Amino acid sequence: MSDSATSTSDRDSKSGRFLSGCKPGPGRRVGSRNALSESFVADLKNCWELHGRDALDRVARDQPEVLLKVIASLMPRDVNLSFSVDASEFASRFRTATELLGNSPEPPRLRRPLRVINHD
């Protein structure tokens, strides 16, 4: 970027950062940032249509570690799952499901009878 594009009076003398309230420059032409990526994606699509499946088969056969590395790079690094279960809601829906299926849940069997402990 040349000095003629922005005057030095629009910048802080110590940090070189633009001062707030300054008029911005003309910037990039609309779409210029995406031109390279759009062209690359189009070329990649054409290459895939020509060699895609064959290339995958060849890499899987000759260099499986490369294929695995590519697959791993496509996977998210972090997956955060959080959920909660309402036990009473689950039990209610379970009872409803067993009734709809014509099953009657057996009451739980205890291995030994419960003992009552008295406290004074």
PDB file of N, CA and C in Angstrom:
ATOM      1  N   MET A   1       0.854  -1.163   0.000  1.00  0.00           N
ATOM      2  CA  MET A   1       0.000   0.000   0.000  1.00  0.00           C
ATOM      3  C   MET A   1       0.894   1.217   0.000  1.00  0.00           C
ATOM      4  N   SER A   2       0.623   2.147  -0.861  1.00  0.00           N
ATOM      5  CA  SER A   2       1.459   3.340  -0.969  1.00  0.00           C
ATOM      6  C   SER A   2       1.003   4.385   0.031  1.00  0.00           C
ATOM      7  N   ASP A   3       1.923   5.330   0.311  1.00  0.00           N
ATOM      8  CA  ASP A   3       1.600   6.403   1.244  1.00  0.00           C
ATOM      9  C   ASP A   3       0.572   7.362   0.671  1.00  0.00           C
ATOM     10  N   SER A   4       0.447   7.373  -0.680  1.00  0.00           N
ATOM     11  CA  SER A   4      -0.512   8.286  -1.295  1.00  0.00           C
ATOM     12  C   SER A   4      -1.949   7.841  -1.065  1.00  0.00           C
ATOM     13  N   ALA A   5      -2.152   6.534  -0.790  1.00  0.00           N
ATOM     14  CA  ALA A   5      -3.510   6.029  -0.595  1.00  0.00           C
ATOM     15  C   ALA A   5      -4.102   6.569   0.698  1.00  0.00           C
ATOM     16  N   THR A   6      -3.275   6.669   1.736  1.00  0.00           N
ATOM     17  CA  THR A   6      -3.748   7.222   3.011  1.00  0.00           C
ATOM     18  C   THR A   6      -2.734   8.235   3.488  1.00  0.00           C
ATOM     19  N   SER A   7      -3.202   9.323   3.961  1.00  0.00           N
ATOM     20  CA  SER A   7      -2.274  10.332   4.463  1.00  0.00           C
ATOM     21  C   SER A   7      -1.856   9.974   5.871  1.00  0.00           C
ATOM     22  N   THR A   8      -0.669  10.410   6.253  1.00  0.00           N
ATOM     23  CA  THR A   8      -0.158  10.089   7.580  1.00  0.00           C
ATOM     24  C   THR A   8      -0.930  10.801   8.674  1.00  0.00           C
ATOM     25  N   SER A   9      -1.682  11.827   8.319  1.00  0.00           N
ATOM     26  CA  SER A   9      -2.457  12.525   9.345  1.00  0.00           C
ATOM     27  C   SER A   9      -3.663  11.701   9.792  1.00  0.00           C
ATOM     28  N   ASP A  10      -4.020  10.665   9.021  1.00  0.00           N
ATOM     29  CA  ASP A  10      -5.133   9.790   9.391  1.00  0.00           C
ATOM     30  C   ASP A  10      -4.704   8.699  10.364  1.00  0.00           C
ATOM     31  N   ARG A  11      -3.404   8.677  10.702  1.00  0.00           N
ATOM     32  CA  ARG A  11      -2.876   7.613  11.558  1.00  0.00           C
ATOM     33  C   ARG A  11      -2.283   8.181  12.835  1.00  0.00           C
ATOM     34  N   ASP A  12      -2.288   7.354  13.867  1.00  0.00           N
ATOM     35  CA  ASP A  12      -1.657   7.710  15.129  1.00  0.00           C
ATOM     36  C   ASP A  12      -0.144   7.708  14.904  1.00  0.00           C
ATOM     37  N   SER A  13       0.548   8.727  15.376  1.00  0.00           N
ATOM     38  CA  SER A  13       1.987   8.835  15.128  1.00  0.00           C
ATOM     39  C   SER A  13       2.787   7.759  15.857  1.00  0.00           C
ATOM     40  N   LYS A  14       2.301   7.266  16.992  1.00  0.00           N
ATOM     41  CA  LYS A  14       3.038   6.245  17.745  1.00  0.00           C
ATOM     42  C   LYS A  14       2.744   4.834  17.257  1.00  0.00           C
ATOM     43  N   SER A  15       1.464   4.503  17.156  1.00  0.00           N
ATOM     44  CA  SER A  15       1.098   3.120  16.831  1.00  0.00           C
ATOM     45  C   SER A  15       0.908   2.881  15.338  1.00  0.00           C
ATOM     46  N   GLY A  16       0.632   3.936  14.578  1.00  0.00           N
ATOM     47  CA  GLY A  16       0.385   3.758  13.153  1.00  0.00           C
ATOM     48  C   GLY A  16      -1.031   3.323  12.841  1.00  0.00           C
ATOM     49  N   ARG A  17      -1.860   3.169  13.871  1.00  0.00           N
ATOM     50  CA  ARG A  17      -3.245   2.738  13.663  1.00  0.00           C
ATOM     51  C   ARG A  17      -4.075   3.906  13.149  1.00  0.00           C
ATOM     52  N   PHE A  18      -5.121   3.574  12.401  1.00  0.00           N
ATOM     53  CA  PHE A  18      -6.018   4.599  11.898  1.00  0.00           C
ATOM     54  C   PHE A  18      -6.749   5.259  13.066  1.00  0.00           C
ATOM     55  N   LEU A  19      -6.932   6.547  12.976  1.00  0.00           N
ATOM     56  CA  LEU A  19      -7.662   7.276  14.000  1.00  0.00           C
ATOM     57  C   LEU A  19      -9.157   7.096  13.764  1.00  0.00           C
ATOM     58  N   SER A  20      -9.925   7.068  14.845  1.00  0.00           N
ATOM     59  CA  SER A  20     -11.367   6.906  14.683  1.00  0.00           C
ATOM     60  C   SER A  20     -11.943   8.164  14.018  1.00  0.00           C
ATOM     61  N   GLY A  21     -12.938   7.959  13.191  1.00  0.00           N
ATOM     62  CA  GLY A  21     -13.582   9.070  12.506  1.00  0.00           C
ATOM     63  C   GLY A  21     -12.952   9.418  11.170  1.00  0.00           C
ATOM     64  N   CYS A  22     -11.880   8.723  10.785  1.00  0.00           N
ATOM     65  CA  CYS A  22     -11.226   9.003   9.501  1.00  0.00           C
ATOM     66  C   CYS A  22     -12.040   8.402   8.367  1.00  0.00           C
ATOM     67  N   LYS A  23     -11.986   9.046   7.220  1.00  0.00           N
ATOM     68  CA  LYS A  23     -12.692   8.559   6.046  1.00  0.00           C
ATOM     69  C   LYS A  23     -11.928   7.350   5.493  1.00  0.00           C
ATOM     70  N   PRO A  24     -12.615   6.226   5.287  1.00  0.00           N
ATOM     71  CA  PRO A  24     -11.932   5.032   4.786  1.00  0.00           C
ATOM     72  C   PRO A  24     -11.536   5.195   3.322  1.00  0.00           C
ATOM     73  N   GLY A  25     -10.568   4.383   2.910  1.00  0.00           N
ATOM     74  CA  GLY A  25     -10.115   4.384   1.520  1.00  0.00           C
ATOM     75  C   GLY A  25     -11.118   3.672   0.627  1.00  0.00           C
ATOM     76  N   PRO A  26     -10.787   3.542  -0.650  1.00  0.00           N
ATOM     77  CA  PRO A  26     -11.730   2.951  -1.589  1.00  0.00           C
ATOM     78  C   PRO A  26     -11.939   1.452  -1.373  1.00  0.00           C
ATOM     79  N   GLY A  27     -10.961   0.766  -0.821  1.00  0.00           N
ATOM     80  CA  GLY A  27     -11.106  -0.660  -0.559  1.00  0.00           C
ATOM     81  C   GLY A  27     -10.978  -1.494  -1.814  1.00  0.00           C
ATOM     82  N   ARG A  28     -11.310  -2.769  -1.711  1.00  0.00           N
ATOM     83  CA  ARG A  28     -11.241  -3.697  -2.840  1.00  0.00           C
ATOM     84  C   ARG A  28     -12.447  -3.532  -3.736  1.00  0.00           C
ATOM     85  N   ARG A  29     -12.265  -3.920  -4.982  1.00  0.00           N
ATOM     86  CA  ARG A  29     -13.414  -3.973  -5.878  1.00  0.00           C
ATOM     87  C   ARG A  29     -14.340  -5.091  -5.410  1.00  0.00           C
ATOM     88  N   VAL A  30     -15.624  -4.923  -5.623  1.00  0.00           N
ATOM     89  CA  VAL A  30     -16.603  -5.919  -5.218  1.00  0.00           C
ATOM     90  C   VAL A  30     -16.300  -7.236  -5.929  1.00  0.00           C
ATOM     91  N   GLY A  31     -16.206  -8.315  -5.153  1.00  0.00           N
ATOM     92  CA  GLY A  31     -15.985  -9.635  -5.717  1.00  0.00           C
ATOM     93  C   GLY A  31     -14.535  -9.999  -5.945  1.00  0.00           C
ATOM     94  N   SER A  32     -13.600  -9.068  -5.810  1.00  0.00           N
ATOM     95  CA  SER A  32     -12.202  -9.385  -6.103  1.00  0.00           C
ATOM     96  C   SER A  32     -11.615 -10.374  -5.104  1.00  0.00           C
ATOM     97  N   ARG A  33     -12.083 -10.328  -3.874  1.00  0.00           N
ATOM     98  CA  ARG A  33     -11.561 -11.243  -2.866  1.00  0.00           C
ATOM     99  C   ARG A  33     -11.955 -12.682  -3.196  1.00  0.00           C
ATOM    100  N   ASN A  34     -13.132 -12.884  -3.728  1.00  0.00           N
ATOM    101  CA  ASN A  34     -13.629 -14.228  -3.980  1.00  0.00           C
ATOM    102  C   ASN A  34     -13.224 -14.771  -5.342  1.00  0.00           C
ATOM    103  N   ALA A  35     -12.641 -13.950  -6.201  1.00  0.00           N
ATOM    104  CA  ALA A  35     -12.333 -14.397  -7.561  1.00  0.00           C
ATOM    105  C   ALA A  35     -11.396 -15.594  -7.554  1.00  0.00           C
ATOM    106  N   LEU A  36     -10.342 -15.559  -6.771  1.00  0.00           N
ATOM    107  CA  LEU A  36      -9.393 -16.668  -6.725  1.00  0.00           C
ATOM    108  C   LEU A  36     -10.047 -17.916  -6.156  1.00  0.00           C
ATOM    109  N   SER A  37     -10.769 -17.778  -5.063  1.00  0.00           N
ATOM    110  CA  SER A  37     -11.374 -18.963  -4.455  1.00  0.00           C
ATOM    111  C   SER A  37     -12.444 -19.563  -5.354  1.00  0.00           C
ATOM    112  N   GLU A  38     -13.209 -18.733  -6.043  1.00  0.00           N
ATOM    113  CA  GLU A  38     -14.220 -19.263  -6.966  1.00  0.00           C
ATOM    114  C   GLU A  38     -13.569 -19.995  -8.129  1.00  0.00           C
ATOM    115  N   SER A  39     -12.477 -19.458  -8.639  1.00  0.00           N
ATOM    116  CA  SER A  39     -11.754 -20.101  -9.725  1.00  0.00           C
ATOM    117  C   SER A  39     -11.171 -21.434  -9.264  1.00  0.00           C
ATOM    118  N   PHE A  40     -10.599 -21.438  -8.053  1.00  0.00           N
ATOM    119  CA  PHE A  40     -10.027 -22.665  -7.504  1.00  0.00           C
ATOM    120  C   PHE A  40     -11.083 -23.744  -7.322  1.00  0.00           C
ATOM    121  N   VAL A  41     -12.229 -23.367  -6.784  1.00  0.00           N
ATOM    122  CA  VAL A  41     -13.302 -24.340  -6.571  1.00  0.00           C
ATOM    123  C   VAL A  41     -13.801 -24.891  -7.902  1.00  0.00           C
ATOM    124  N   ALA A  42     -13.888 -24.041  -8.918  1.00  0.00           N
ATOM    125  CA  ALA A  42     -14.313 -24.510 -10.242  1.00  0.00           C
ATOM    126  C   ALA A  42     -13.301 -25.500 -10.809  1.00  0.00           C
ATOM    127  N   ASP A  43     -12.000 -25.197 -10.675  1.00  0.00           N
ATOM    128  CA  ASP A  43     -10.958 -26.116 -11.148  1.00  0.00           C
ATOM    129  C   ASP A  43     -10.988 -27.423 -10.376  1.00  0.00           C
ATOM    130  N   LEU A  44     -11.193 -27.332  -9.071  1.00  0.00           N
ATOM    131  CA  LEU A  44     -11.274 -28.527  -8.231  1.00  0.00           C
ATOM    132  C   LEU A  44     -12.459 -29.392  -8.643  1.00  0.00           C
ATOM    133  N   LYS A  45     -13.588 -28.768  -8.933  1.00  0.00           N
ATOM    134  CA  LYS A  45     -14.771 -29.502  -9.388  1.00  0.00           C
ATOM    135  C   LYS A  45     -14.486 -30.229 -10.703  1.00  0.00           C
ATOM    136  N   ASN A  46     -13.840 -29.535 -11.646  1.00  0.00           N
ATOM    137  CA  ASN A  46     -13.509 -30.166 -12.928  1.00  0.00           C
ATOM    138  C   ASN A  46     -12.558 -31.341 -12.741  1.00  0.00           C
ATOM    139  N   CYS A  47     -11.562 -31.167 -11.881  1.00  0.00           N
ATOM    140  CA  CYS A  47     -10.611 -32.243 -11.603  1.00  0.00           C
ATOM    141  C   CYS A  47     -11.306 -33.430 -10.954  1.00  0.00           C
ATOM    142  N   TRP A  48     -12.225 -33.143 -10.032  1.00  0.00           N
ATOM    143  CA  TRP A  48     -12.960 -34.220  -9.370  1.00  0.00           C
ATOM    144  C   TRP A  48     -13.804 -34.996 -10.373  1.00  0.00           C
ATOM    145  N   GLU A  49     -14.441 -34.271 -11.289  1.00  0.00           N
ATOM    146  CA  GLU A  49     -15.267 -34.950 -12.298  1.00  0.00           C
ATOM    147  C   GLU A  49     -14.424 -35.860 -13.187  1.00  0.00           C
ATOM    148  N   LEU A  50     -13.171 -35.476 -13.454  1.00  0.00           N
ATOM    149  CA  LEU A  50     -12.290 -36.296 -14.297  1.00  0.00           C
ATOM    150  C   LEU A  50     -11.667 -37.458 -13.537  1.00  0.00           C
ATOM    151  N   HIS A  51     -11.175 -37.216 -12.324  1.00  0.00           N
ATOM    152  CA  HIS A  51     -10.342 -38.204 -11.630  1.00  0.00           C
ATOM    153  C   HIS A  51     -10.837 -38.607 -10.251  1.00  0.00           C
ATOM    154  N   GLY A  52     -11.902 -38.038  -9.769  1.00  0.00           N
ATOM    155  CA  GLY A  52     -12.323 -38.185  -8.379  1.00  0.00           C
ATOM    156  C   GLY A  52     -12.308 -39.581  -7.813  1.00  0.00           C
ATOM    157  N   ARG A  53     -13.179 -40.430  -8.289  1.00  0.00           N
ATOM    158  CA  ARG A  53     -13.311 -41.776  -7.725  1.00  0.00           C
ATOM    159  C   ARG A  53     -12.044 -42.595  -7.931  1.00  0.00           C
ATOM    160  N   ASP A  54     -11.454 -42.471  -9.127  1.00  0.00           N
ATOM    161  CA  ASP A  54     -10.221 -43.216  -9.400  1.00  0.00           C
ATOM    162  C   ASP A  54      -9.088 -42.767  -8.481  1.00  0.00           C
ATOM    163  N   ALA A  55      -8.995 -41.456  -8.253  1.00  0.00           N
ATOM    164  CA  ALA A  55      -7.950 -40.936  -7.374  1.00  0.00           C
ATOM    165  C   ALA A  55      -8.145 -41.444  -5.944  1.00  0.00           C
ATOM    166  N   LEU A  56      -9.379 -41.437  -5.469  1.00  0.00           N
ATOM    167  CA  LEU A  56      -9.658 -41.950  -4.120  1.00  0.00           C
ATOM    168  C   LEU A  56      -9.286 -43.421  -4.010  1.00  0.00           C
ATOM    169  N   ASP A  57      -9.676 -44.206  -5.007  1.00  0.00           N
ATOM    170  CA  ASP A  57      -9.351 -45.634  -4.988  1.00  0.00           C
ATOM    171  C   ASP A  57      -7.842 -45.859  -4.985  1.00  0.00           C
ATOM    172  N   ARG A  58      -7.115 -45.101  -5.817  1.00  0.00           N
ATOM    173  CA  ARG A  58      -5.661 -45.245  -5.905  1.00  0.00           C
ATOM    174  C   ARG A  58      -4.991 -44.867  -4.584  1.00  0.00           C
ATOM    175  N   VAL A  59      -5.420 -43.763  -3.977  1.00  0.00           N
ATOM    176  CA  VAL A  59      -4.829 -43.345  -2.699  1.00  0.00           C
ATOM    177  C   VAL A  59      -5.167 -44.345  -1.604  1.00  0.00           C
ATOM    178  N   ALA A  60      -6.400 -44.833  -1.591  1.00  0.00           N
ATOM    179  CA  ALA A  60      -6.800 -45.814  -0.572  1.00  0.00           C
ATOM    180  C   ALA A  60      -5.970 -47.091  -0.697  1.00  0.00           C
ATOM    181  N   ARG A  61      -5.657 -47.477  -1.908  1.00  0.00           N
ATOM    182  CA  ARG A  61      -4.892 -48.706  -2.128  1.00  0.00           C
ATOM    183  C   ARG A  61      -3.397 -48.499  -1.868  1.00  0.00           C
ATOM    184  N   ASP A  62      -2.826 -47.390  -2.397  1.00  0.00           N
ATOM    185  CA  ASP A  62      -1.382 -47.200  -2.353  1.00  0.00           C
ATOM    186  C   ASP A  62      -0.882 -46.412  -1.144  1.00  0.00           C
ATOM    187  N   GLN A  63      -1.694 -45.488  -0.652  1.00  0.00           N
ATOM    188  CA  GLN A  63      -1.269 -44.646   0.474  1.00  0.00           C
ATOM    189  C   GLN A  63      -2.432 -44.456   1.455  1.00  0.00           C
ATOM    190  N   PRO A  64      -2.839 -45.494   2.145  1.00  0.00           N
ATOM    191  CA  PRO A  64      -4.002 -45.369   3.043  1.00  0.00           C
ATOM    192  C   PRO A  64      -3.797 -44.342   4.155  1.00  0.00           C
ATOM    193  N   GLU A  65      -2.534 -44.121   4.566  1.00  0.00           N
ATOM    194  CA  GLU A  65      -2.286 -43.136   5.621  1.00  0.00           C
ATOM    195  C   GLU A  65      -2.612 -41.723   5.151  1.00  0.00           C
ATOM    196  N   VAL A  66      -2.407 -41.447   3.865  1.00  0.00           N
ATOM    197  CA  VAL A  66      -2.743 -40.133   3.311  1.00  0.00           C
ATOM    198  C   VAL A  66      -4.259 -39.959   3.299  1.00  0.00           C
ATOM    199  N   LEU A  67      -4.971 -40.987   2.903  1.00  0.00           N
ATOM    200  CA  LEU A  67      -6.434 -40.927   2.894  1.00  0.00           C
ATOM    201  C   LEU A  67      -6.966 -40.713   4.308  1.00  0.00           C
ATOM    202  N   LEU A  68      -6.394 -41.424   5.261  1.00  0.00           N
ATOM    203  CA  LEU A  68      -6.818 -41.270   6.654  1.00  0.00           C
ATOM    204  C   LEU A  68      -6.559 -39.860   7.149  1.00  0.00           C
ATOM    205  N   LYS A  69      -5.418 -39.280   6.772  1.00  0.00           N
ATOM    206  CA  LYS A  69      -5.083 -37.919   7.192  1.00  0.00           C
ATOM    207  C   LYS A  69      -6.087 -36.925   6.618  1.00  0.00           C
ATOM    208  N   VAL A  70      -6.476 -37.108   5.368  1.00  0.00           N
ATOM    209  CA  VAL A  70      -7.461 -36.218   4.743  1.00  0.00           C
ATOM    210  C   VAL A  70      -8.806 -36.359   5.436  1.00  0.00           C
ATOM    211  N   ILE A  71      -9.216 -37.580   5.691  1.00  0.00           N
ATOM    212  CA  ILE A  71     -10.500 -37.807   6.366  1.00  0.00           C
ATOM    213  C   ILE A  71     -10.485 -37.162   7.746  1.00  0.00           C
ATOM    214  N   ALA A  72      -9.386 -37.338   8.478  1.00  0.00           N
ATOM    215  CA  ALA A  72      -9.285 -36.751   9.822  1.00  0.00           C
ATOM    216  C   ALA A  72      -9.315 -35.230   9.757  1.00  0.00           C
ATOM    217  N   SER A  73      -8.732 -34.648   8.718  1.00  0.00           N
ATOM    218  CA  SER A  73      -8.729 -33.186   8.616  1.00  0.00           C
ATOM    219  C   SER A  73     -10.117 -32.635   8.327  1.00  0.00           C
ATOM    220  N   LEU A  74     -10.994 -33.461   7.785  1.00  0.00           N
ATOM    221  CA  LEU A  74     -12.360 -33.023   7.502  1.00  0.00           C
ATOM    222  C   LEU A  74     -13.277 -33.117   8.716  1.00  0.00           C
ATOM    223  N   MET A  75     -12.846 -33.867   9.711  1.00  0.00           N
ATOM    224  CA  MET A  75     -13.653 -34.040  10.916  1.00  0.00           C
ATOM    225  C   MET A  75     -13.473 -32.840  11.837  1.00  0.00           C
ATOM    226  N   PRO A  76     -14.521 -32.463  12.576  1.00  0.00           N
ATOM    227  CA  PRO A  76     -14.361 -31.363  13.530  1.00  0.00           C
ATOM    228  C   PRO A  76     -13.399 -31.767  14.642  1.00  0.00           C
ATOM    229  N   ARG A  77     -12.583 -30.812  15.073  1.00  0.00           N
ATOM    230  CA  ARG A  77     -11.605 -31.101  16.131  1.00  0.00           C
ATOM    231  C   ARG A  77     -12.274 -31.239  17.486  1.00  0.00           C
ATOM    232  N   ASP A  78     -13.301 -30.471  17.704  1.00  0.00           N
ATOM    233  CA  ASP A  78     -13.965 -30.434  18.999  1.00  0.00           C
ATOM    234  C   ASP A  78     -15.455 -30.633  18.814  1.00  0.00           C
ATOM    235  N   VAL A  79     -16.009 -31.544  19.546  1.00  0.00           N
ATOM    236  CA  VAL A  79     -17.451 -31.728  19.533  1.00  0.00           C
ATOM    237  C   VAL A  79     -17.918 -31.610  20.971  1.00  0.00           C
ATOM    238  N   ASN A  80     -18.706 -30.604  21.230  1.00  0.00           N
ATOM    239  CA  ASN A  80     -19.232 -30.395  22.577  1.00  0.00           C
ATOM    240  C   ASN A  80     -20.711 -30.743  22.583  1.00  0.00           C
ATOM    241  N   LEU A  81     -21.028 -31.785  23.291  1.00  0.00           N
ATOM    242  CA  LEU A  81     -22.420 -32.190  23.427  1.00  0.00           C
ATOM    243  C   LEU A  81     -22.837 -32.016  24.875  1.00  0.00           C
ATOM    244  N   SER A  82     -23.978 -31.443  25.060  1.00  0.00           N
ATOM    245  CA  SER A  82     -24.515 -31.379  26.409  1.00  0.00           C
ATOM    246  C   SER A  82     -26.007 -31.664  26.320  1.00  0.00           C
ATOM    247  N   PHE A  83     -26.466 -32.489  27.196  1.00  0.00           N
ATOM    248  CA  PHE A  83     -27.887 -32.809  27.218  1.00  0.00           C
ATOM    249  C   PHE A  83     -28.261 -33.175  28.639  1.00  0.00           C
ATOM    250  N   SER A  84     -29.528 -33.093  28.895  1.00  0.00           N
ATOM    251  CA  SER A  84     -30.004 -33.488  30.212  1.00  0.00           C
ATOM    252  C   SER A  84     -31.204 -34.410  30.017  1.00  0.00           C
ATOM    253  N   VAL A  85     -31.397 -35.272  30.970  1.00  0.00           N
ATOM    254  CA  VAL A  85     -32.497 -36.224  30.916  1.00  0.00           C
ATOM    255  C   VAL A  85     -33.359 -36.016  32.149  1.00  0.00           C
ATOM    256  N   ASP A  86     -34.626 -35.796  31.911  1.00  0.00           N
ATOM    257  CA  ASP A  86     -35.583 -35.697  33.005  1.00  0.00           C
ATOM    258  C   ASP A  86     -36.056 -37.122  33.298  1.00  0.00           C
ATOM    259  N   ALA A  87     -35.646 -37.670  34.426  1.00  0.00           N
ATOM    260  CA  ALA A  87     -35.924 -39.068  34.744  1.00  0.00           C
ATOM    261  C   ALA A  87     -37.418 -39.352  34.808  1.00  0.00           C
ATOM    262  N   SER A  88     -38.205 -38.456  35.370  1.00  0.00           N
ATOM    263  CA  SER A  88     -39.642 -38.718  35.473  1.00  0.00           C
ATOM    264  C   SER A  88     -40.300 -38.687  34.099  1.00  0.00           C
ATOM    265  N   GLU A  89     -39.865 -37.752  33.230  1.00  0.00           N
ATOM    266  CA  GLU A  89     -40.405 -37.696  31.864  1.00  0.00           C
ATOM    267  C   GLU A  89     -40.023 -38.955  31.096  1.00  0.00           C
ATOM    268  N   PHE A  90     -38.763 -39.415  31.257  1.00  0.00           N
ATOM    269  CA  PHE A  90     -38.316 -40.633  30.588  1.00  0.00           C
ATOM    270  C   PHE A  90     -39.144 -41.830  31.052  1.00  0.00           C
ATOM    271  N   ALA A  91     -39.346 -41.947  32.365  1.00  0.00           N
ATOM    272  CA  ALA A  91     -40.112 -43.072  32.908  1.00  0.00           C
ATOM    273  C   ALA A  91     -41.545 -43.041  32.401  1.00  0.00           C
ATOM    274  N   SER A  92     -42.144 -41.863  32.336  1.00  0.00           N
ATOM    275  CA  SER A  92     -43.506 -41.740  31.845  1.00  0.00           C
ATOM    276  C   SER A  92     -43.602 -42.171  30.385  1.00  0.00           C
ATOM    277  N   ARG A  93     -42.684 -41.714  29.567  1.00  0.00           N
ATOM    278  CA  ARG A  93     -42.707 -42.096  28.143  1.00  0.00           C
ATOM    279  C   ARG A  93     -42.410 -43.579  27.965  1.00  0.00           C
ATOM    280  N   PHE A  94     -41.542 -44.120  28.812  1.00  0.00           N
ATOM    281  CA  PHE A  94     -41.239 -45.546  28.735  1.00  0.00           C
ATOM    282  C   PHE A  94     -42.479 -46.365  29.056  1.00  0.00           C
ATOM    283  N   ARG A  95     -43.207 -45.974  30.116  1.00  0.00           N
ATOM    284  CA  ARG A  95     -44.442 -46.683  30.457  1.00  0.00           C
ATOM    285  C   ARG A  95     -45.449 -46.617  29.310  1.00  0.00           C
ATOM    286  N   THR A  96     -45.587 -45.425  28.718  1.00  0.00           N
ATOM    287  CA  THR A  96     -46.514 -45.267  27.592  1.00  0.00           C
ATOM    288  C   THR A  96     -46.112 -46.160  26.432  1.00  0.00           C
ATOM    289  N   ALA A  97     -44.829 -46.221  26.133  1.00  0.00           N
ATOM    290  CA  ALA A  97     -44.347 -47.048  25.022  1.00  0.00           C
ATOM    291  C   ALA A  97     -44.596 -48.523  25.292  1.00  0.00           C
ATOM    292  N   THR A  98     -44.333 -48.975  26.524  1.00  0.00           N
ATOM    293  CA  THR A  98     -44.559 -50.394  26.824  1.00  0.00           C
ATOM    294  C   THR A  98     -46.046 -50.735  26.765  1.00  0.00           C
ATOM    295  N   GLU A  99     -46.906 -49.815  27.169  1.00  0.00           N
ATOM    296  CA  GLU A  99     -48.349 -50.062  27.079  1.00  0.00           C
ATOM    297  C   GLU A  99     -48.796 -50.136  25.622  1.00  0.00           C
ATOM    298  N   LEU A 100     -48.280 -49.241  24.784  1.00  0.00           N
ATOM    299  CA  LEU A 100     -48.641 -49.256  23.365  1.00  0.00           C
ATOM    300  C   LEU A 100     -48.185 -50.536  22.675  1.00  0.00           C
ATOM    301  N   LEU A 101     -47.060 -51.094  23.137  1.00  0.00           N
ATOM    302  CA  LEU A 101     -46.548 -52.333  22.562  1.00  0.00           C
ATOM    303  C   LEU A 101     -47.219 -53.570  23.153  1.00  0.00           C
ATOM    304  N   GLY A 102     -48.045 -53.356  24.151  1.00  0.00           N
ATOM    305  CA  GLY A 102     -48.734 -54.491  24.771  1.00  0.00           C
ATOM    306  C   GLY A 102     -47.887 -55.194  25.804  1.00  0.00           C
ATOM    307  N   ASN A 103     -46.850 -54.580  26.239  1.00  0.00           N
ATOM    308  CA  ASN A 103     -45.986 -55.178  27.264  1.00  0.00           C
ATOM    309  C   ASN A 103     -46.301 -54.543  28.603  1.00  0.00           C
ATOM    310  N   SER A 104     -46.247 -55.354  29.628  1.00  0.00           N
ATOM    311  CA  SER A 104     -46.418 -54.784  30.960  1.00  0.00           C
ATOM    312  C   SER A 104     -45.101 -54.944  31.692  1.00  0.00           C
ATOM    313  N   PRO A 105     -44.526 -53.845  32.137  1.00  0.00           N
ATOM    314  CA  PRO A 105     -43.233 -53.968  32.824  1.00  0.00           C
ATOM    315  C   PRO A 105     -43.398 -54.700  34.143  1.00  0.00           C
ATOM    316  N   GLU A 106     -42.469 -55.594  34.387  1.00  0.00           N
ATOM    317  CA  GLU A 106     -42.493 -56.333  35.642  1.00  0.00           C
ATOM    318  C   GLU A 106     -41.961 -55.431  36.751  1.00  0.00           C
ATOM    319  N   PRO A 107     -42.543 -55.546  37.928  1.00  0.00           N
ATOM    320  CA  PRO A 107     -41.997 -54.751  39.028  1.00  0.00           C
ATOM    321  C   PRO A 107     -40.592 -55.248  39.350  1.00  0.00           C
ATOM    322  N   PRO A 108     -39.739 -54.375  39.805  1.00  0.00           N
ATOM    323  CA  PRO A 108     -38.364 -54.805  40.099  1.00  0.00           C
ATOM    324  C   PRO A 108     -38.342 -55.827  41.230  1.00  0.00           C
ATOM    325  N   ARG A 109     -37.494 -56.807  41.069  1.00  0.00           N
ATOM    326  CA  ARG A 109     -37.348 -57.842  42.095  1.00  0.00           C
ATOM    327  C   ARG A 109     -36.151 -57.505  42.958  1.00  0.00           C
ATOM    328  N   LEU A 110     -36.354 -57.624  44.249  1.00  0.00           N
ATOM    329  CA  LEU A 110     -35.261 -57.378  45.172  1.00  0.00           C
ATOM    330  C   LEU A 110     -34.574 -58.683  45.501  1.00  0.00           C
ATOM    331  N   ARG A 111     -33.289 -58.650  45.628  1.00  0.00           N
ATOM    332  CA  ARG A 111     -32.532 -59.867  45.926  1.00  0.00           C
ATOM    333  C   ARG A 111     -32.785 -60.330  47.361  1.00  0.00           C
ATOM    334  N   ARG A 112     -32.958 -59.372  48.217  1.00  0.00           N
ATOM    335  CA  ARG A 112     -33.234 -59.699  49.614  1.00  0.00           C
ATOM    336  C   ARG A 112     -34.233 -58.676  50.144  1.00  0.00           C
ATOM    337  N   PRO A 113     -34.982 -59.003  51.132  1.00  0.00           N
ATOM    338  CA  PRO A 113     -35.964 -58.052  51.647  1.00  0.00           C
ATOM    339  C   PRO A 113     -35.276 -56.842  52.291  1.00  0.00           C
ATOM    340  N   LEU A 114     -35.938 -55.708  52.225  1.00  0.00           N
ATOM    341  CA  LEU A 114     -35.410 -54.493  52.805  1.00  0.00           C
ATOM    342  C   LEU A 114     -35.468 -54.586  54.325  1.00  0.00           C
ATOM    343  N   ARG A 115     -34.473 -54.033  54.965  1.00  0.00           N
ATOM    344  CA  ARG A 115     -34.463 -53.993  56.425  1.00  0.00           C
ATOM    345  C   ARG A 115     -34.683 -52.547  56.850  1.00  0.00           C
ATOM    346  N   VAL A 116     -35.485 -52.379  57.845  1.00  0.00           N
ATOM    347  CA  VAL A 116     -35.774 -51.053  58.366  1.00  0.00           C
ATOM    348  C   VAL A 116     -34.851 -50.796  59.536  1.00  0.00           C
ATOM    349  N   ILE A 117     -34.182 -49.647  59.511  1.00  0.00           N
ATOM    350  CA  ILE A 117     -33.285 -49.274  60.590  1.00  0.00           C
ATOM    351  C   ILE A 117     -33.945 -48.174  61.397  1.00  0.00           C
ATOM    352  N   ASN A 118     -34.127 -48.400  62.665  1.00  0.00           N
ATOM    353  CA  ASN A 118     -34.724 -47.395  63.546  1.00  0.00           C
ATOM    354  C   ASN A 118     -33.636 -46.562  64.197  1.00  0.00           C
ATOM    355  N   HIS A 119     -33.881 -45.285  64.233  1.00  0.00           N
ATOM    356  CA  HIS A 119     -32.930 -44.375  64.879  1.00  0.00           C
ATOM    357  C   HIS A 119     -33.581 -43.783  66.129  1.00  0.00           C
ATOM    358  N   ASP A 120     -32.805 -43.617  67.133  1.00  0.00           N
ATOM    359  CA  ASP A 120     -33.297 -42.968  68.365  1.00  0.00           C
ATOM    360  C   ASP A 120     -32.800 -41.584  68.491  1.00  0.00           C
TER     361      ASP A 120
END
